[in-house]
Amino acid sequence: MKEPEFKQLALEAQKHPLNSTARRVALSKLIEGLYKSRKLCYPYKGRFSQVYQHIYEEAVQDLFLYICKNIDKYDPERAEFTTWANMLLSKRFFKEAVSKVVGKTNEIKVEASFLENLEDLAPQNNEEDCTCDFLKIRGYIEKDPQGVFRQTCIKSYPRVNFQEIAIKKWSGLSWKDISEEFNVPIPTLSNFYQRSLDKFRHEFKELCDRYVL
C-alpha cells in the first residue's frame, strides 16, 4: 500500500461516525495495510536483544488500538500517515512497552494492560483492587456461564472466539504466537479483542461492582 492510500483510508474513517460499519471497515483496511506494508520503523534496534521482539509486538499492538480509537487526531496537513504512525510508535508506544516488559520475569502483568483498556471500571482503584477486578473478570470469562464469550467469534474466522483469545493473551502469549496458532493476522486478532472488550464493558463493570473475591 502506498502513502496516498493510507491517507485516503484515514480520511475515509474520519468521515464516518464512531462505531459505524463504514468507519470500522476503513480502519480495518488501514491497519491491515500498515501491518503488511513493512513501513513501520524499529525503534532502538539492537537494544533489548533478548526481549526486543516481545517489546515491539506489544508496542505495535498498542499503536494499532490507539489508531482505531483516535484516528480523528490524525492531521494530514501536518504529516504523512506513516510518519504520524512511526512517531507514535517510537516516541510513545515503544517506550511504554519497554516499561511493561523489561525487568519482569516469567509473565507480564497482564491485568495492568487489560484494565487500562477498561479504565472506567474503577479508575481510582489501587493495584490490589485492580488485580482483584482482573481475576473476577478472567474467572467469569473462563466459566462463561451464558456461553456468550465462546459464541463471540471473528466474522471471517468463525472457529476463533473471544474466550480463547483472551485466555491465551492473559496467559502471557504474544500476539505473534496467537496469530500463528489460529492462522489469523495480528491486526485482525487485536482489533477483535479490543472490540470485544468494549462490547462487554458494562457487563464487566457490573461484575466488579457486585462481587468481592
Foldseek 3Di string as FASTA:
>chain_A
DDLVLLVVLLVQLVVDDPPDPSNVVSLLVNLVCVVVVPLADQAPPPPPVVCSVVLLLQLSLVLSVCCSVPSVPDDVVVDGPNVVSNCCSHVPSSVVSCVQPPPDPDATQVLVVLCVLLCVLCVPDDPVLSVQLSVLVLVCLQPVVVCVQCCAAQPVQRNHGQSVLVVCVNNHDGLVVVCVVSVHDSSSSSVSNSVVCVVCSVVSSCSSVPDGD
